[in-house]
Amino acid sequence: MKIYTATHPLEAHMLMQLLHQQGIACELRGEMLFALRGEIPMDSSSAPSLWLQKPEQQTAAQQIIREFLNPPPAECWQCPECGEHHEGQFSACWQCGFSQTAQ
């Protein structure tokens, strides 16, 4: 059962790994056709797609895909070193170089 058509092979692989991590059996089809775009139609027929191996996992798979496509916004944060305020998508302080990921 086809569950998702990706815009790029990288997106398809990321989603496939997320699904596998949650125990959802799926496979990637059409990945090699992506390289032929321009020679063949550039539509969903040449895009990589994810297929469920167990249709009973459809609801769980759709939820994971929704969360991947619509992540919650990251919270704003204040640098503990210099006090500068930053939007959530940034992990390093532009003012002093402090990195949240180094903690």
PDB file of N, CA and C in Angstrom:
ATOM      1  N   MET A   1       0.839  -1.167   0.000  1.00  0.00           N
ATOM      2  CA  MET A   1       0.000   0.000   0.000  1.00  0.00           C
ATOM      3  C   MET A   1       0.894   1.243   0.000  1.00  0.00           C
ATOM      4  N   LYS A   2       0.690   2.117  -0.966  1.00  0.00           N
ATOM      5  CA  LYS A   2       1.472   3.352  -1.058  1.00  0.00           C
ATOM      6  C   LYS A   2       1.017   4.304   0.046  1.00  0.00           C
ATOM      7  N   ILE A   3       1.990   4.796   0.821  1.00  0.00           N
ATOM      8  CA  ILE A   3       1.665   5.660   1.953  1.00  0.00           C
ATOM      9  C   ILE A   3       2.121   7.101   1.737  1.00  0.00           C
ATOM     10  N   TYR A   4       3.185   7.302   0.905  1.00  0.00           N
ATOM     11  CA  TYR A   4       3.714   8.657   0.739  1.00  0.00           C
ATOM     12  C   TYR A   4       4.550   8.755  -0.527  1.00  0.00           C
ATOM     13  N   THR A   5       4.410   9.867  -1.238  1.00  0.00           N
ATOM     14  CA  THR A   5       5.261  10.176  -2.381  1.00  0.00           C
ATOM     15  C   THR A   5       6.157  11.338  -1.976  1.00  0.00           C
ATOM     16  N   ALA A   6       7.454  11.115  -1.994  1.00  0.00           N
ATOM     17  CA  ALA A   6       8.429  12.118  -1.549  1.00  0.00           C
ATOM     18  C   ALA A   6       8.793  13.073  -2.680  1.00  0.00           C
ATOM     19  N   THR A   7       9.327  14.221  -2.312  1.00  0.00           N
ATOM     20  CA  THR A   7       9.781  15.187  -3.309  1.00  0.00           C
ATOM     21  C   THR A   7      11.219  14.921  -3.735  1.00  0.00           C
ATOM     22  N   HIS A   8      11.944  14.137  -2.935  1.00  0.00           N
ATOM     23  CA  HIS A   8      13.358  13.875  -3.200  1.00  0.00           C
ATOM     24  C   HIS A   8      13.743  12.563  -2.505  1.00  0.00           C
ATOM     25  N   PRO A   9      14.711  11.826  -3.052  1.00  0.00           N
ATOM     26  CA  PRO A   9      15.136  10.582  -2.399  1.00  0.00           C
ATOM     27  C   PRO A   9      15.604  10.768  -0.953  1.00  0.00           C
ATOM     28  N   LEU A  10      16.248  11.887  -0.643  1.00  0.00           N
ATOM     29  CA  LEU A  10      16.699  12.115   0.740  1.00  0.00           C
ATOM     30  C   LEU A  10      15.519  12.184   1.703  1.00  0.00           C
ATOM     31  N   GLU A  11      14.476  12.872   1.292  1.00  0.00           N
ATOM     32  CA  GLU A  11      13.275  12.948   2.120  1.00  0.00           C
ATOM     33  C   GLU A  11      12.684  11.554   2.319  1.00  0.00           C
ATOM     34  N   ALA A  12      12.641  10.776   1.253  1.00  0.00           N
ATOM     35  CA  ALA A  12      12.096   9.418   1.326  1.00  0.00           C
ATOM     36  C   ALA A  12      12.906   8.552   2.288  1.00  0.00           C
ATOM     37  N   HIS A  13      14.230   8.663   2.230  1.00  0.00           N
ATOM     38  CA  HIS A  13      15.082   7.861   3.119  1.00  0.00           C
ATOM     39  C   HIS A  13      14.920   8.279   4.582  1.00  0.00           C
ATOM     40  N   MET A  14      14.826   9.592   4.836  1.00  0.00           N
ATOM     41  CA  MET A  14      14.634  10.048   6.219  1.00  0.00           C
ATOM     42  C   MET A  14      13.319   9.513   6.783  1.00  0.00           C
ATOM     43  N   LEU A  15      12.258   9.621   5.993  1.00  0.00           N
ATOM     44  CA  LEU A  15      10.965   9.121   6.457  1.00  0.00           C
ATOM     45  C   LEU A  15      10.977   7.611   6.641  1.00  0.00           C
ATOM     46  N   MET A  16      11.605   6.901   5.722  1.00  0.00           N
ATOM     47  CA  MET A  16      11.674   5.451   5.838  1.00  0.00           C
ATOM     48  C   MET A  16      12.380   5.051   7.134  1.00  0.00           C
ATOM     49  N   GLN A  17      13.466   5.739   7.477  1.00  0.00           N
ATOM     50  CA  GLN A  17      14.179   5.431   8.714  1.00  0.00           C
ATOM     51  C   GLN A  17      13.332   5.743   9.946  1.00  0.00           C
ATOM     52  N   LEU A  18      12.606   6.859   9.915  1.00  0.00           N
ATOM     53  CA  LEU A  18      11.715   7.182  11.034  1.00  0.00           C
ATOM     54  C   LEU A  18      10.658   6.097  11.217  1.00  0.00           C
ATOM     55  N   LEU A  19      10.091   5.640  10.115  1.00  0.00           N
ATOM     56  CA  LEU A  19       9.079   4.585  10.186  1.00  0.00           C
ATOM     57  C   LEU A  19       9.682   3.284  10.710  1.00  0.00           C
ATOM     58  N   HIS A  20      10.862   2.923  10.207  1.00  0.00           N
ATOM     59  CA  HIS A  20      11.522   1.694  10.673  1.00  0.00           C
ATOM     60  C   HIS A  20      11.830   1.768  12.169  1.00  0.00           C
ATOM     61  N   GLN A  21      12.248   2.942  12.652  1.00  0.00           N
ATOM     62  CA  GLN A  21      12.550   3.104  14.079  1.00  0.00           C
ATOM     63  C   GLN A  21      11.325   2.858  14.952  1.00  0.00           C
ATOM     64  N   GLN A  22      10.145   3.094  14.398  1.00  0.00           N
ATOM     65  CA  GLN A  22       8.905   2.882  15.141  1.00  0.00           C
ATOM     66  C   GLN A  22       8.297   1.507  14.871  1.00  0.00           C
ATOM     67  N   GLY A  23       9.066   0.645  14.200  1.00  0.00           N
ATOM     68  CA  GLY A  23       8.609  -0.718  13.950  1.00  0.00           C
ATOM     69  C   GLY A  23       7.618  -0.856  12.810  1.00  0.00           C
ATOM     70  N   ILE A  24       7.570   0.145  11.940  1.00  0.00           N
ATOM     71  CA  ILE A  24       6.646   0.107  10.809  1.00  0.00           C
ATOM     72  C   ILE A  24       7.390  -0.407   9.582  1.00  0.00           C
ATOM     73  N   ALA A  25       6.921  -1.517   9.058  1.00  0.00           N
ATOM     74  CA  ALA A  25       7.562  -2.156   7.905  1.00  0.00           C
ATOM     75  C   ALA A  25       7.157  -1.426   6.627  1.00  0.00           C
ATOM     76  N   CYS A  26       8.148  -0.883   5.925  1.00  0.00           N
ATOM     77  CA  CYS A  26       7.881  -0.192   4.668  1.00  0.00           C
ATOM     78  C   CYS A  26       9.078  -0.357   3.745  1.00  0.00           C
ATOM     79  N   GLU A  27       8.851  -0.046   2.480  1.00  0.00           N
ATOM     80  CA  GLU A  27       9.937  -0.118   1.503  1.00  0.00           C
ATOM     81  C   GLU A  27       9.877   1.101   0.597  1.00  0.00           C
ATOM     82  N   LEU A  28      11.015   1.429   0.034  1.00  0.00           N
ATOM     83  CA  LEU A  28      11.148   2.567  -0.860  1.00  0.00           C
ATOM     84  C   LEU A  28      11.124   2.062  -2.295  1.00  0.00           C
ATOM     85  N   ARG A  29      10.269   2.660  -3.105  1.00  0.00           N
ATOM     86  CA  ARG A  29      10.179   2.289  -4.516  1.00  0.00           C
ATOM     87  C   ARG A  29      10.348   3.532  -5.376  1.00  0.00           C
ATOM     88  N   GLY A  30      10.894   3.334  -6.576  1.00  0.00           N
ATOM     89  CA  GLY A  30      11.011   4.417  -7.542  1.00  0.00           C
ATOM     90  C   GLY A  30      12.183   5.351  -7.335  1.00  0.00           C
ATOM     91  N   GLU A  31      13.082   5.000  -6.446  1.00  0.00           N
ATOM     92  CA  GLU A  31      14.213   5.891  -6.147  1.00  0.00           C
ATOM     93  C   GLU A  31      15.085   6.131  -7.380  1.00  0.00           C
ATOM     94  N   MET A  32      15.325   5.100  -8.149  1.00  0.00           N
ATOM     95  CA  MET A  32      16.208   5.229  -9.309  1.00  0.00           C
ATOM     96  C   MET A  32      15.574   6.046 -10.439  1.00  0.00           C
ATOM     97  N   LEU A  33      14.249   6.097 -10.486  1.00  0.00           N
ATOM     98  CA  LEU A  33      13.580   6.877 -11.526  1.00  0.00           C
ATOM     99  C   LEU A  33      13.810   8.369 -11.346  1.00  0.00           C
ATOM    100  N   PHE A  34      14.083   8.793 -10.120  1.00  0.00           N
ATOM    101  CA  PHE A  34      14.285  10.216  -9.838  1.00  0.00           C
ATOM    102  C   PHE A  34      15.420  10.787 -10.680  1.00  0.00           C
ATOM    103  N   ALA A  35      16.471  10.002 -10.889  1.00  0.00           N
ATOM    104  CA  ALA A  35      17.625  10.461 -11.673  1.00  0.00           C
ATOM    105  C   ALA A  35      17.275  10.664 -13.142  1.00  0.00           C
ATOM    106  N   LEU A  36      16.195  10.075 -13.593  1.00  0.00           N
ATOM    107  CA  LEU A  36      15.795  10.191 -14.996  1.00  0.00           C
ATOM    108  C   LEU A  36      14.845  11.351 -15.259  1.00  0.00           C
ATOM    109  N   ARG A  37      14.534  12.123 -14.242  1.00  0.00           N
ATOM    110  CA  ARG A  37      13.614  13.248 -14.438  1.00  0.00           C
ATOM    111  C   ARG A  37      14.148  14.170 -15.517  1.00  0.00           C
ATOM    112  N   GLY A  38      13.284  14.541 -16.410  1.00  0.00           N
ATOM    113  CA  GLY A  38      13.663  15.320 -17.579  1.00  0.00           C
ATOM    114  C   GLY A  38      13.641  14.437 -18.811  1.00  0.00           C
ATOM    115  N   GLU A  39      14.049  13.197 -18.632  1.00  0.00           N
ATOM    116  CA  GLU A  39      13.960  12.207 -19.709  1.00  0.00           C
ATOM    117  C   GLU A  39      12.589  11.539 -19.675  1.00  0.00           C
ATOM    118  N   ILE A  40      12.043  11.428 -18.466  1.00  0.00           N
ATOM    119  CA  ILE A  40      10.689  10.913 -18.277  1.00  0.00           C
ATOM    120  C   ILE A  40       9.901  12.009 -17.565  1.00  0.00           C
ATOM    121  N   PRO A  41       8.582  11.918 -17.510  1.00  0.00           N
ATOM    122  CA  PRO A  41       7.793  12.990 -16.882  1.00  0.00           C
ATOM    123  C   PRO A  41       8.230  13.300 -15.445  1.00  0.00           C
ATOM    124  N   MET A  42       8.213  14.594 -15.115  1.00  0.00           N
ATOM    125  CA  MET A  42       8.574  15.043 -13.768  1.00  0.00           C
ATOM    126  C   MET A  42       7.308  15.151 -12.923  1.00  0.00           C
ATOM    127  N   ASP A  43       6.717  14.014 -12.649  1.00  0.00           N
ATOM    128  CA  ASP A  43       5.513  13.976 -11.828  1.00  0.00           C
ATOM    129  C   ASP A  43       5.652  12.873 -10.787  1.00  0.00           C
ATOM    130  N   SER A  44       4.566  12.530 -10.151  1.00  0.00           N
ATOM    131  CA  SER A  44       4.641  11.537  -9.078  1.00  0.00           C
ATOM    132  C   SER A  44       5.069  10.156  -9.573  1.00  0.00           C
ATOM    133  N   SER A  45       4.957   9.909 -10.877  1.00  0.00           N
ATOM    134  CA  SER A  45       5.374   8.600 -11.392  1.00  0.00           C
ATOM    135  C   SER A  45       6.894   8.431 -11.374  1.00  0.00           C
ATOM    136  N   SER A  46       7.630   9.541 -11.309  1.00  0.00           N
ATOM    137  CA  SER A  46       9.091   9.455 -11.259  1.00  0.00           C
ATOM    138  C   SER A  46       9.644   9.862  -9.893  1.00  0.00           C
ATOM    139  N   ALA A  47       8.767  10.002  -8.922  1.00  0.00           N
ATOM    140  CA  ALA A  47       9.184  10.384  -7.569  1.00  0.00           C
ATOM    141  C   ALA A  47       9.299   9.143  -6.687  1.00  0.00           C
ATOM    142  N   PRO A  48      10.225   9.147  -5.742  1.00  0.00           N
ATOM    143  CA  PRO A  48      10.337   8.016  -4.815  1.00  0.00           C
ATOM    144  C   PRO A  48       9.109   7.956  -3.912  1.00  0.00           C
ATOM    145  N   SER A  49       8.674   6.761  -3.605  1.00  0.00           N
ATOM    146  CA  SER A  49       7.497   6.615  -2.754  1.00  0.00           C
ATOM    147  C   SER A  49       7.719   5.525  -1.712  1.00  0.00           C
ATOM    148  N   LEU A  50       7.015   5.674  -0.605  1.00  0.00           N
ATOM    149  CA  LEU A  50       7.079   4.700   0.485  1.00  0.00           C
ATOM    150  C   LEU A  50       5.829   3.833   0.453  1.00  0.00           C
ATOM    151  N   TRP A  51       6.057   2.545   0.598  1.00  0.00           N
ATOM    152  CA  TRP A  51       4.972   1.569   0.564  1.00  0.00           C
ATOM    153  C   TRP A  51       4.973   0.769   1.859  1.00  0.00           C
ATOM    154  N   LEU A  52       3.808   0.670   2.480  1.00  0.00           N
ATOM    155  CA  LEU A  52       3.659  -0.130   3.698  1.00  0.00           C
ATOM    156  C   LEU A  52       3.608  -1.603   3.346  1.00  0.00           C
ATOM    157  N   GLN A  53       4.237  -2.406   4.171  1.00  0.00           N
ATOM    158  CA  GLN A  53       4.170  -3.851   3.990  1.00  0.00           C
ATOM    159  C   GLN A  53       3.026  -4.449   4.802  1.00  0.00           C
ATOM    160  N   LYS A  54       2.578  -3.709   5.814  1.00  0.00           N
ATOM    161  CA  LYS A  54       1.469  -4.168   6.664  1.00  0.00           C
ATOM    162  C   LYS A  54       0.410  -3.059   6.700  1.00  0.00           C
ATOM    163  N   PRO A  55      -0.666  -3.199   5.923  1.00  0.00           N
ATOM    164  CA  PRO A  55      -1.691  -2.150   5.864  1.00  0.00           C
ATOM    165  C   PRO A  55      -2.265  -1.756   7.224  1.00  0.00           C
ATOM    166  N   GLU A  56      -2.229  -2.658   8.189  1.00  0.00           N
ATOM    167  CA  GLU A  56      -2.769  -2.340   9.517  1.00  0.00           C
ATOM    168  C   GLU A  56      -1.931  -1.278  10.243  1.00  0.00           C
ATOM    169  N   GLN A  57      -0.759  -0.955   9.721  1.00  0.00           N
ATOM    170  CA  GLN A  57       0.095   0.076  10.324  1.00  0.00           C
ATOM    171  C   GLN A  57      -0.120   1.450   9.683  1.00  0.00           C
ATOM    172  N   GLN A  58      -1.135   1.574   8.839  1.00  0.00           N
ATOM    173  CA  GLN A  58      -1.365   2.812   8.095  1.00  0.00           C
ATOM    174  C   GLN A  58      -1.575   4.017   9.005  1.00  0.00           C
ATOM    175  N   THR A  59      -2.398   3.888  10.020  1.00  0.00           N
ATOM    176  CA  THR A  59      -2.695   5.019  10.905  1.00  0.00           C
ATOM    177  C   THR A  59      -1.437   5.512  11.611  1.00  0.00           C
ATOM    178  N   ALA A  60      -0.652   4.603  12.150  1.00  0.00           N
ATOM    179  CA  ALA A  60       0.589   4.986  12.835  1.00  0.00           C
ATOM    180  C   ALA A  60       1.570   5.624  11.860  1.00  0.00           C
ATOM    181  N   ALA A  61       1.677   5.073  10.662  1.00  0.00           N
ATOM    182  CA  ALA A  61       2.596   5.618   9.655  1.00  0.00           C
ATOM    183  C   ALA A  61       2.180   7.025   9.244  1.00  0.00           C
ATOM    184  N   GLN A  62       0.896   7.244   9.039  1.00  0.00           N
ATOM    185  CA  GLN A  62       0.417   8.572   8.651  1.00  0.00           C
ATOM    186  C   GLN A  62       0.695   9.602   9.737  1.00  0.00           C
ATOM    187  N   GLN A  63       0.587   9.210  10.996  1.00  0.00           N
ATOM    188  CA  GLN A  63       0.871  10.124  12.102  1.00  0.00           C
ATOM    189  C   GLN A  63       2.350  10.516  12.109  1.00  0.00           C
ATOM    190  N   ILE A  64       3.232   9.564  11.906  1.00  0.00           N
ATOM    191  CA  ILE A  64       4.673   9.846  11.867  1.00  0.00           C
ATOM    192  C   ILE A  64       4.998  10.771  10.701  1.00  0.00           C
ATOM    193  N   ILE A  65       4.394  10.527   9.558  1.00  0.00           N
ATOM    194  CA  ILE A  65       4.627  11.366   8.379  1.00  0.00           C
ATOM    195  C   ILE A  65       4.123  12.784   8.638  1.00  0.00           C
ATOM    196  N   ARG A  66       2.938  12.927   9.251  1.00  0.00           N
ATOM    197  CA  ARG A  66       2.408  14.264   9.576  1.00  0.00           C
ATOM    198  C   ARG A  66       3.361  15.020  10.499  1.00  0.00           C
ATOM    199  N   GLU A  67       3.871  14.336  11.524  1.00  0.00           N
ATOM    200  CA  GLU A  67       4.789  14.986  12.465  1.00  0.00           C
ATOM    201  C   GLU A  67       6.089  15.389  11.783  1.00  0.00           C
ATOM    202  N   PHE A  68       6.562  14.579  10.837  1.00  0.00           N
ATOM    203  CA  PHE A  68       7.779  14.899  10.092  1.00  0.00           C
ATOM    204  C   PHE A  68       7.563  16.131   9.211  1.00  0.00           C
ATOM    205  N   LEU A  69       6.422  16.201   8.556  1.00  0.00           N
ATOM    206  CA  LEU A  69       6.142  17.301   7.633  1.00  0.00           C
ATOM    207  C   LEU A  69       5.757  18.593   8.341  1.00  0.00           C
ATOM    208  N   ASN A  70       5.254  18.504   9.566  1.00  0.00           N
ATOM    209  CA  ASN A  70       4.802  19.676  10.322  1.00  0.00           C
ATOM    210  C   ASN A  70       5.399  19.671  11.726  1.00  0.00           C
ATOM    211  N   PRO A  71       6.717  19.867  11.843  1.00  0.00           N
ATOM    212  CA  PRO A  71       7.330  19.831  13.177  1.00  0.00           C
ATOM    213  C   PRO A  71       6.864  21.017  14.021  1.00  0.00           C
ATOM    214  N   PRO A  72       6.797  20.836  15.335  1.00  0.00           N
ATOM    215  CA  PRO A  72       6.410  21.959  16.189  1.00  0.00           C
ATOM    216  C   PRO A  72       7.497  23.033  16.145  1.00  0.00           C
ATOM    217  N   PRO A  73       7.099  24.295  16.256  1.00  0.00           N
ATOM    218  CA  PRO A  73       8.106  25.362  16.236  1.00  0.00           C
ATOM    219  C   PRO A  73       9.025  25.264  17.452  1.00  0.00           C
ATOM    220  N   ALA A  74      10.297  25.544  17.238  1.00  0.00           N
ATOM    221  CA  ALA A  74      11.270  25.513  18.331  1.00  0.00           C
ATOM    222  C   ALA A  74      11.078  26.747  19.213  1.00  0.00           C
ATOM    223  N   GLU A  75      11.294  26.578  20.504  1.00  0.00           N
ATOM    224  CA  GLU A  75      11.119  27.679  21.450  1.00  0.00           C
ATOM    225  C   GLU A  75      12.297  28.642  21.388  1.00  0.00           C
ATOM    226  N   CYS A  76      12.000  29.924  21.607  1.00  0.00           N
ATOM    227  CA  CYS A  76      13.055  30.930  21.692  1.00  0.00           C
ATOM    228  C   CYS A  76      13.863  30.661  22.960  1.00  0.00           C
ATOM    229  N   TRP A  77      15.119  31.115  22.944  1.00  0.00           N
ATOM    230  CA  TRP A  77      15.970  30.887  24.104  1.00  0.00           C
ATOM    231  C   TRP A  77      16.872  32.097  24.337  1.00  0.00           C
ATOM    232  N   GLN A  78      17.374  32.203  25.559  1.00  0.00           N
ATOM    233  CA  GLN A  78      18.278  33.281  25.938  1.00  0.00           C
ATOM    234  C   GLN A  78      19.635  32.674  26.252  1.00  0.00           C
ATOM    235  N   CYS A  79      20.682  33.245  25.700  1.00  0.00           N
ATOM    236  CA  CYS A  79      22.039  32.753  25.915  1.00  0.00           C
ATOM    237  C   CYS A  79      22.413  32.906  27.393  1.00  0.00           C
ATOM    238  N   PRO A  80      22.851  31.825  28.030  1.00  0.00           N
ATOM    239  CA  PRO A  80      23.234  31.915  29.442  1.00  0.00           C
ATOM    240  C   PRO A  80      24.552  32.656  29.658  1.00  0.00           C
ATOM    241  N   GLU A  81      25.332  32.834  28.598  1.00  0.00           N
ATOM    242  CA  GLU A  81      26.628  33.518  28.718  1.00  0.00           C
ATOM    243  C   GLU A  81      26.497  35.035  28.614  1.00  0.00           C
ATOM    244  N   CYS A  82      25.755  35.512  27.580  1.00  0.00           N
ATOM    245  CA  CYS A  82      25.707  36.962  27.351  1.00  0.00           C
ATOM    246  C   CYS A  82      24.300  37.551  27.444  1.00  0.00           C
ATOM    247  N   GLY A  83      23.285  36.706  27.541  1.00  0.00           N
ATOM    248  CA  GLY A  83      21.919  37.191  27.695  1.00  0.00           C
ATOM    249  C   GLY A  83      21.192  37.517  26.401  1.00  0.00           C
ATOM    250  N   GLU A  84      21.821  37.321  25.263  1.00  0.00           N
ATOM    251  CA  GLU A  84      21.200  37.604  23.965  1.00  0.00           C
ATOM    252  C   GLU A  84      20.015  36.660  23.732  1.00  0.00           C
ATOM    253  N   HIS A  85      18.936  37.190  23.143  1.00  0.00           N
ATOM    254  CA  HIS A  85      17.749  36.385  22.829  1.00  0.00           C
ATOM    255  C   HIS A  85      17.848  35.865  21.399  1.00  0.00           C
ATOM    256  N   HIS A  86      17.437  34.590  21.207  1.00  0.00           N
ATOM    257  CA  HIS A  86      17.520  33.943  19.893  1.00  0.00           C
ATOM    258  C   HIS A  86      16.233  33.198  19.579  1.00  0.00           C
ATOM    259  N   GLU A  87      15.933  33.107  18.284  1.00  0.00           N
ATOM    260  CA  GLU A  87      14.800  32.294  17.849  1.00  0.00           C
ATOM    261  C   GLU A  87      15.183  30.826  17.984  1.00  0.00           C
ATOM    262  N   GLY A  88      14.188  29.969  18.085  1.00  0.00           N
ATOM    263  CA  GLY A  88      14.399  28.564  18.374  1.00  0.00           C
ATOM    264  C   GLY A  88      15.189  27.776  17.355  1.00  0.00           C
ATOM    265  N   GLN A  89      15.182  28.205  16.088  1.00  0.00           N
ATOM    266  CA  GLN A  89      15.899  27.427  15.073  1.00  0.00           C
ATOM    267  C   GLN A  89      17.419  27.579  15.177  1.00  0.00           C
ATOM    268  N   PHE A  90      17.884  28.530  15.970  1.00  0.00           N
ATOM    269  CA  PHE A  90      19.324  28.734  16.131  1.00  0.00           C
ATOM    270  C   PHE A  90      19.828  27.990  17.363  1.00  0.00           C
ATOM    271  N   SER A  91      20.967  27.318  17.223  1.00  0.00           N
ATOM    272  CA  SER A  91      21.518  26.580  18.360  1.00  0.00           C
ATOM    273  C   SER A  91      22.785  27.229  18.902  1.00  0.00           C
ATOM    274  N   ALA A  92      23.252  28.284  18.250  1.00  0.00           N
ATOM    275  CA  ALA A  92      24.452  28.982  18.712  1.00  0.00           C
ATOM    276  C   ALA A  92      24.161  30.475  18.823  1.00  0.00           C
ATOM    277  N   CYS A  93      24.793  31.095  19.780  1.00  0.00           N
ATOM    278  CA  CYS A  93      24.635  32.532  19.993  1.00  0.00           C
ATOM    279  C   CYS A  93      25.495  33.298  18.996  1.00  0.00           C
ATOM    280  N   TRP A  94      24.879  34.207  18.271  1.00  0.00           N
ATOM    281  CA  TRP A  94      25.636  34.995  17.294  1.00  0.00           C
ATOM    282  C   TRP A  94      26.510  36.039  17.986  1.00  0.00           C
ATOM    283  N   GLN A  95      26.133  36.413  19.201  1.00  0.00           N
ATOM    284  CA  GLN A  95      26.856  37.451  19.931  1.00  0.00           C
ATOM    285  C   GLN A  95      28.171  36.940  20.525  1.00  0.00           C
ATOM    286  N   CYS A  96      28.119  35.790  21.216  1.00  0.00           N
ATOM    287  CA  CYS A  96      29.317  35.318  21.922  1.00  0.00           C
ATOM    288  C   CYS A  96      29.806  33.944  21.469  1.00  0.00           C
ATOM    289  N   GLY A  97      29.018  33.250  20.636  1.00  0.00           N
ATOM    290  CA  GLY A  97      29.453  31.951  20.131  1.00  0.00           C
ATOM    291  C   GLY A  97      29.057  30.766  20.993  1.00  0.00           C
ATOM    292  N   PHE A  98      28.351  30.999  22.096  1.00  0.00           N
ATOM    293  CA  PHE A  98      27.904  29.899  22.948  1.00  0.00           C
ATOM    294  C   PHE A  98      27.055  28.932  22.129  1.00  0.00           C
ATOM    295  N   SER A  99      27.272  27.640  22.318  1.00  0.00           N
ATOM    296  CA  SER A  99      26.522  26.623  21.579  1.00  0.00           C
ATOM    297  C   SER A  99      25.669  25.797  22.530  1.00  0.00           C
ATOM    298  N   GLN A 100      24.374  25.716  22.242  1.00  0.00           N
ATOM    299  CA  GLN A 100      23.483  24.894  23.065  1.00  0.00           C
ATOM    300  C   GLN A 100      23.795  23.415  22.891  1.00  0.00           C
ATOM    301  N   THR A 101      24.255  23.023  21.721  1.00  0.00           N
ATOM    302  CA  THR A 101      24.518  21.608  21.452  1.00  0.00           C
ATOM    303  C   THR A 101      25.770  21.116  22.162  1.00  0.00           C
ATOM    304  N   ALA A 102      26.636  22.015  22.615  1.00  0.00           N
ATOM    305  CA  ALA A 102      27.875  21.619  23.291  1.00  0.00           C
ATOM    306  C   ALA A 102      27.633  21.283  24.763  1.00  0.00           C
ATOM    307  N   GLN A 103      26.443  21.542  25.255  1.00  0.00           N
ATOM    308  CA  GLN A 103      26.146  21.294  26.674  1.00  0.00           C
ATOM    309  C   GLN A 103      26.026  19.827  26.958  1.00  0.00           C
TER     310      GLN A 103
END
